[in-house]
PDB file of N, CA and C in Angstrom:
ATOM      1  N   GLY A   1     -14.053 -41.568 -20.650  1.00  0.00           N
ATOM      2  CA  GLY A   1     -15.923 -42.018 -21.437  1.00  0.00           C
ATOM      3  C   GLY A   1     -14.804 -41.857 -23.127  1.00  0.00           C
ATOM      4  N   LYS A   2     -13.372 -40.349 -23.190  1.00  0.00           N
ATOM      5  CA  LYS A   2     -12.877 -40.638 -24.749  1.00  0.00           C
ATOM      6  C   LYS A   2     -12.449 -41.088 -25.094  1.00  0.00           C
ATOM      7  N   VAL A   3     -11.726 -41.978 -24.466  1.00  0.00           N
ATOM      8  CA  VAL A   3     -10.860 -43.502 -25.280  1.00  0.00           C
ATOM      9  C   VAL A   3     -11.729 -44.280 -25.288  1.00  0.00           C
ATOM     10  N   LYS A   4     -11.778 -45.580 -26.171  1.00  0.00           N
ATOM     11  CA  LYS A   4     -12.873 -46.727 -26.510  1.00  0.00           C
ATOM     12  C   LYS A   4     -12.019 -47.244 -27.066  1.00  0.00           C
ATOM     13  N   PRO A   5     -10.534 -48.160 -26.582  1.00  0.00           N
ATOM     14  CA  PRO A   5      -9.264 -49.141 -27.308  1.00  0.00           C
ATOM     15  C   PRO A   5     -10.151 -50.359 -28.135  1.00  0.00           C
ATOM     16  N   ARG A   6     -10.298 -50.324 -29.748  1.00  0.00           N
ATOM     17  CA  ARG A   6     -10.150 -51.546 -30.382  1.00  0.00           C
ATOM     18  C   ARG A   6      -9.953 -52.935 -29.578  1.00  0.00           C
ATOM     19  N   HIS A   7     -10.197 -54.039 -29.602  1.00  0.00           N
ATOM     20  CA  HIS A   7      -9.952 -54.848 -29.243  1.00  0.00           C
ATOM     21  C   HIS A   7      -8.390 -55.647 -30.105  1.00  0.00           C
ATOM     22  N   GLY A   8      -8.054 -55.620 -28.007  1.00  0.00           N
ATOM     23  CA  GLY A   8      -6.620 -56.252 -29.314  1.00  0.00           C
ATOM     24  C   GLY A   8      -5.505 -54.710 -29.102  1.00  0.00           C
ATOM     25  N   GLN A   9      -6.203 -53.889 -28.862  1.00  0.00           N
ATOM     26  CA  GLN A   9      -6.089 -52.885 -28.588  1.00  0.00           C
ATOM     27  C   GLN A   9      -5.692 -51.763 -27.061  1.00  0.00           C
ATOM     28  N   SER A  10      -4.448 -50.886 -26.973  1.00  0.00           N
ATOM     29  CA  SER A  10      -3.705 -51.378 -25.108  1.00  0.00           C
ATOM     30  C   SER A  10      -4.557 -49.324 -25.815  1.00  0.00           C
ATOM     31  N   SER A  11      -5.137 -49.370 -24.208  1.00  0.00           N
ATOM     32  CA  SER A  11      -5.675 -48.150 -24.018  1.00  0.00           C
ATOM     33  C   SER A  11      -4.934 -47.217 -24.699  1.00  0.00           C
ATOM     34  N   ILE A  12      -3.385 -46.298 -23.861  1.00  0.00           N
ATOM     35  CA  ILE A  12      -3.005 -46.017 -23.972  1.00  0.00           C
ATOM     36  C   ILE A  12      -2.317 -45.480 -25.773  1.00  0.00           C
ATOM     37  N   ASP A  13      -2.516 -46.942 -26.500  1.00  0.00           N
ATOM     38  CA  ASP A  13      -2.766 -46.819 -27.700  1.00  0.00           C
ATOM     39  C   ASP A  13      -3.598 -45.829 -28.201  1.00  0.00           C
ATOM     40  N   ALA A  14      -4.398 -46.606 -27.745  1.00  0.00           N
ATOM     41  CA  ALA A  14      -5.799 -45.740 -27.983  1.00  0.00           C
ATOM     42  C   ALA A  14      -5.677 -44.454 -28.334  1.00  0.00           C
ATOM     43  N   ALA A  15      -5.587 -43.394 -27.014  1.00  0.00           N
ATOM     44  CA  ALA A  15      -5.444 -42.084 -26.352  1.00  0.00           C
ATOM     45  C   ALA A  15      -4.706 -41.691 -27.471  1.00  0.00           C
ATOM     46  N   VAL A  16      -3.379 -42.323 -27.415  1.00  0.00           N
ATOM     47  CA  VAL A  16      -2.395 -41.228 -29.340  1.00  0.00           C
ATOM     48  C   VAL A  16      -3.552 -41.232 -30.225  1.00  0.00           C
ATOM     49  N   GLU A  17      -3.895 -42.459 -30.828  1.00  0.00           N
ATOM     50  CA  GLU A  17      -5.160 -42.794 -31.752  1.00  0.00           C
ATOM     51  C   GLU A  17      -6.029 -41.752 -31.860  1.00  0.00           C
ATOM     52  N   ALA A  18      -6.900 -41.223 -30.754  1.00  0.00           N
ATOM     53  CA  ALA A  18      -7.316 -40.239 -30.757  1.00  0.00           C
ATOM     54  C   ALA A  18      -7.212 -38.455 -30.052  1.00  0.00           C
ATOM     55  N   GLY A  19      -5.994 -38.734 -30.417  1.00  0.00           N
ATOM     56  CA  GLY A  19      -4.801 -37.465 -30.184  1.00  0.00           C
ATOM     57  C   GLY A  19      -5.146 -36.894 -28.884  1.00  0.00           C
ATOM     58  N   ILE A  20      -4.769 -37.273 -27.258  1.00  0.00           N
ATOM     59  CA  ILE A  20      -5.109 -37.164 -26.040  1.00  0.00           C
ATOM     60  C   ILE A  20      -3.813 -37.668 -25.822  1.00  0.00           C
ATOM     61  N   LEU A  21      -2.840 -38.423 -26.466  1.00  0.00           N
ATOM     62  CA  LEU A  21      -1.879 -38.253 -26.020  1.00  0.00           C
ATOM     63  C   LEU A  21      -0.567 -38.157 -26.956  1.00  0.00           C
ATOM     64  N   GLN A  22       0.258 -37.643 -26.655  1.00  0.00           N
ATOM     65  CA  GLN A  22       1.607 -37.381 -27.672  1.00  0.00           C
ATOM     66  C   GLN A  22       2.432 -38.344 -27.864  1.00  0.00           C
ATOM     67  N   GLN A  23       3.574 -38.726 -28.536  1.00  0.00           N
ATOM     68  CA  GLN A  23       3.659 -40.076 -29.282  1.00  0.00           C
ATOM     69  C   GLN A  23       4.573 -40.106 -27.437  1.00  0.00           C
ATOM     70  N   SER A  24       5.906 -39.164 -28.096  1.00  0.00           N
ATOM     71  CA  SER A  24       6.338 -39.274 -26.273  1.00  0.00           C
ATOM     72  C   SER A  24       5.442 -39.267 -25.452  1.00  0.00           C
ATOM     73  N   GLU A  25       4.510 -38.772 -25.170  1.00  0.00           N
ATOM     74  CA  GLU A  25       3.505 -39.695 -23.355  1.00  0.00           C
ATOM     75  C   GLU A  25       3.255 -40.932 -24.034  1.00  0.00           C
ATOM     76  N   CYS A  26       2.974 -41.307 -24.919  1.00  0.00           N
ATOM     77  CA  CYS A  26       2.605 -42.827 -25.068  1.00  0.00           C
ATOM     78  C   CYS A  26       3.819 -43.814 -24.963  1.00  0.00           C
ATOM     79  N   GLN A  27       4.714 -44.083 -25.631  1.00  0.00           N
ATOM     80  CA  GLN A  27       6.638 -44.447 -24.585  1.00  0.00           C
ATOM     81  C   GLN A  27       6.389 -44.388 -23.920  1.00  0.00           C
ATOM     82  N   ARG A  28       6.232 -43.134 -23.326  1.00  0.00           N
ATOM     83  CA  ARG A  28       6.873 -43.397 -21.540  1.00  0.00           C
ATOM     84  C   ARG A  28       6.192 -43.991 -21.232  1.00  0.00           C
ATOM     85  N   LEU A  29       4.702 -43.498 -21.070  1.00  0.00           N
ATOM     86  CA  LEU A  29       3.685 -44.495 -20.294  1.00  0.00           C
ATOM     87  C   LEU A  29       3.431 -45.947 -20.511  1.00  0.00           C
ATOM     88  N   GLN A  30       4.112 -46.593 -22.038  1.00  0.00           N
ATOM     89  CA  GLN A  30       4.662 -48.267 -21.918  1.00  0.00           C
ATOM     90  C   GLN A  30       5.921 -48.696 -21.419  1.00  0.00           C
ATOM     91  N   ALA A  31       6.562 -47.955 -20.855  1.00  0.00           N
ATOM     92  CA  ALA A  31       8.385 -48.307 -20.015  1.00  0.00           C
ATOM     93  C   ALA A  31       7.340 -48.269 -19.096  1.00  0.00           C
ATOM     94  N   LEU A  32       6.604 -47.451 -18.711  1.00  0.00           N
ATOM     95  CA  LEU A  32       5.656 -48.086 -17.490  1.00  0.00           C
ATOM     96  C   LEU A  32       5.601 -48.898 -16.936  1.00  0.00           C
ATOM     97  N   GLU A  33       4.994 -49.498 -18.021  1.00  0.00           N
ATOM     98  CA  GLU A  33       3.894 -50.216 -17.634  1.00  0.00           C
ATOM     99  C   GLU A  33       4.408 -51.818 -17.591  1.00  0.00           C
ATOM    100  N   ALA A  34       5.926 -51.229 -19.399  1.00  0.00           N
ATOM    101  CA  ALA A  34       6.664 -52.610 -18.990  1.00  0.00           C
ATOM    102  C   ALA A  34       7.525 -53.128 -17.039  1.00  0.00           C
ATOM    103  N   ALA A  35       8.353 -51.934 -16.703  1.00  0.00           N
ATOM    104  CA  ALA A  35       8.524 -51.646 -15.380  1.00  0.00           C
ATOM    105  C   ALA A  35       7.774 -51.811 -14.515  1.00  0.00           C
ATOM    106  N   ARG A  36       6.348 -51.420 -14.388  1.00  0.00           N
ATOM    107  CA  ARG A  36       5.158 -52.032 -13.464  1.00  0.00           C
ATOM    108  C   ARG A  36       4.767 -54.174 -13.700  1.00  0.00           C
ATOM    109  N   ARG A  37       4.988 -54.213 -15.159  1.00  0.00           N
ATOM    110  CA  ARG A  37       4.279 -56.020 -15.203  1.00  0.00           C
ATOM    111  C   ARG A  37       5.468 -56.635 -14.585  1.00  0.00           C
ATOM    112  N   LEU A  38       7.154 -55.794 -14.503  1.00  0.00           N
ATOM    113  CA  LEU A  38       7.698 -56.962 -14.363  1.00  0.00           C
ATOM    114  C   LEU A  38       8.133 -56.819 -12.659  1.00  0.00           C
ATOM    115  N   VAL A  39       7.611 -55.959 -12.275  1.00  0.00           N
ATOM    116  CA  VAL A  39       7.982 -56.097 -11.086  1.00  0.00           C
ATOM    117  C   VAL A  39       6.401 -56.664 -10.532  1.00  0.00           C
ATOM    118  N   ILE A  40       5.692 -56.816 -11.077  1.00  0.00           N
ATOM    119  CA  ILE A  40       4.241 -58.206 -10.520  1.00  0.00           C
ATOM    120  C   ILE A  40       5.136 -59.163 -11.011  1.00  0.00           C
ATOM    121  N   ASP A  41       6.019 -59.930 -12.533  1.00  0.00           N
ATOM    122  CA  ASP A  41       5.893 -60.885 -12.911  1.00  0.00           C
ATOM    123  C   ASP A  41       6.511 -61.567 -11.719  1.00  0.00           C
ATOM    124  N   VAL A  42       8.298 -60.256 -10.717  1.00  0.00           N
ATOM    125  CA  VAL A  42       8.431 -61.316  -9.671  1.00  0.00           C
ATOM    126  C   VAL A  42       7.978 -62.306  -8.707  1.00  0.00           C
ATOM    127  N   ASP A  43       6.521 -62.210  -8.617  1.00  0.00           N
ATOM    128  CA  ASP A  43       5.989 -63.365  -7.703  1.00  0.00           C
ATOM    129  C   ASP A  43       5.473 -64.312  -9.294  1.00  0.00           C
ATOM    130  N   ALA A  44       5.354 -64.128 -10.157  1.00  0.00           N
ATOM    131  CA  ALA A  44       5.712 -66.105 -11.147  1.00  0.00           C
ATOM    132  C   ALA A  44       6.583 -66.353 -11.143  1.00  0.00           C
ATOM    133  N   PHE A  45       5.944 -68.362 -10.656  1.00  0.00           N
ATOM    134  CA  PHE A  45       7.399 -69.105 -10.662  1.00  0.00           C
ATOM    135  C   PHE A  45       6.052 -69.997 -10.854  1.00  0.00           C
ATOM    136  N   ASP A  46       6.975 -70.972 -11.765  1.00  0.00           N
ATOM    137  CA  ASP A  46       6.653 -71.933 -11.830  1.00  0.00           C
ATOM    138  C   ASP A  46       5.870 -72.998  -9.832  1.00  0.00           C
ATOM    139  N   PRO A  47       4.945 -74.255 -10.299  1.00  0.00           N
ATOM    140  CA  PRO A  47       4.363 -73.761  -8.421  1.00  0.00           C
ATOM    141  C   PRO A  47       4.455 -75.126  -8.076  1.00  0.00           C
ATOM    142  N   GLN A  48       5.135 -76.441  -9.064  1.00  0.00           N
ATOM    143  CA  GLN A  48       5.819 -77.084  -8.139  1.00  0.00           C
ATOM    144  C   GLN A  48       7.192 -76.662  -7.706  1.00  0.00           C
ATOM    145  N   THR A  49       8.201 -75.720  -7.744  1.00  0.00           N
ATOM    146  CA  THR A  49       9.140 -75.436  -7.076  1.00  0.00           C
ATOM    147  C   THR A  49       8.741 -75.115  -5.473  1.00  0.00           C
ATOM    148  N   LEU A  50       6.934 -75.066  -4.665  1.00  0.00           N
ATOM    149  CA  LEU A  50       7.032 -75.296  -4.259  1.00  0.00           C
ATOM    150  C   LEU A  50       5.940 -76.681  -2.893  1.00  0.00           C
ATOM    151  N   LEU A  51       6.075 -77.498  -3.973  1.00  0.00           N
ATOM    152  CA  LEU A  51       5.897 -78.689  -3.299  1.00  0.00           C
ATOM    153  C   LEU A  51       7.288 -79.793  -2.975  1.00  0.00           C
ATOM    154  N   PRO A  52       6.834 -80.427  -1.655  1.00  0.00           N
ATOM    155  CA  PRO A  52       8.238 -80.346  -0.801  1.00  0.00           C
ATOM    156  C   PRO A  52       9.059 -81.975  -1.411  1.00  0.00           C
ATOM    157  N   THR A  53      10.031 -81.403  -1.466  1.00  0.00           N
ATOM    158  CA  THR A  53      11.276 -82.727  -1.624  1.00  0.00           C
ATOM    159  C   THR A  53      11.381 -83.332  -1.494  1.00  0.00           C
ATOM    160  N   LYS A  54      11.662 -84.366  -1.487  1.00  0.00           N
ATOM    161  CA  LYS A  54      12.457 -85.562  -0.046  1.00  0.00           C
ATOM    162  C   LYS A  54      13.039 -86.026  -0.142  1.00  0.00           C
ATOM    163  N   GLY A  55      13.668 -85.739   1.319  1.00  0.00           N
ATOM    164  CA  GLY A  55      15.667 -86.463   1.496  1.00  0.00           C
ATOM    165  C   GLY A  55      15.620 -84.548   1.925  1.00  0.00           C
ATOM    166  N   GLN A  56      14.675 -82.419   1.925  1.00  0.00           N
ATOM    167  CA  GLN A  56      14.860 -81.944   1.935  1.00  0.00           C
ATOM    168  C   GLN A  56      14.026 -81.248   2.772  1.00  0.00           C
ATOM    169  N   VAL A  57      14.827 -79.655   3.696  1.00  0.00           N
ATOM    170  CA  VAL A  57      14.417 -79.407   4.684  1.00  0.00           C
ATOM    171  C   VAL A  57      13.615 -78.313   4.339  1.00  0.00           C
ATOM    172  N   ARG A  58      12.928 -77.505   5.022  1.00  0.00           N
ATOM    173  CA  ARG A  58      12.308 -76.178   3.870  1.00  0.00           C
ATOM    174  C   ARG A  58      13.480 -75.162   5.178  1.00  0.00           C
TER     175      ARG A  58
END
């Protein structure tokens, strides 16, 4: 309830702006979020790669 991010602002940046997090905590959380996104994005692929290809067996 104390952090209200503006449009386009992350909750992490809003917490720093509100004085709830320190800049070092912000950097750590941003690094962790980037790592989390990498794990999630592993499942991001072009759906065309799953279509059957003539002459190939899966």
